[in-house]
């Protein structure tokens, strides 16, 4: 009986200590991490212009409002143009959303994309520039973006790369 009482007191003491330590914790750590930007989809319109679905990824532990985007898009080794947007889009912590941007690409970039589509080849692209975002309850910050990746033709969707 004496052993059971001592075990019960020990368990109660451990539970009280854990509860006290939990109460001292100030909550979730709010961390701001640089966001990322990538091309989720590139669609060639009939007029030769492009619709670019730009994926904005928030790696912070708190929501951020993405205020502006200014990114130079290159395809292959050709500069296509500058993707600019003012989405004023709030993206939750460790989450992502898509912004659609229209672009009238350079003629050389059009040829690179047309060649990749005609040959069903992978298209290398690069995004370089800045994304301005405001973390929740903080000041706006500008983040540098330098992303290199590839796109492939979307099956059954002519003129679409993903």
Foldseek 3Di string as FASTA:
>chain_A
DVVVVVVVVVVVVVVVVVVVVVVPDPDDDWFFDFKAKDFPKWFQDPVRKIKTWIKIFGQTQAKKFFAKDWKFKDKPNRTFGIFIDGPRHIAGHRGMDIDITIGNTDPVRSVRLVVCLVVQHKIKMWIWDWIWMGTPPGDIDIHTYIDIDIWTDDPPDRRMTD
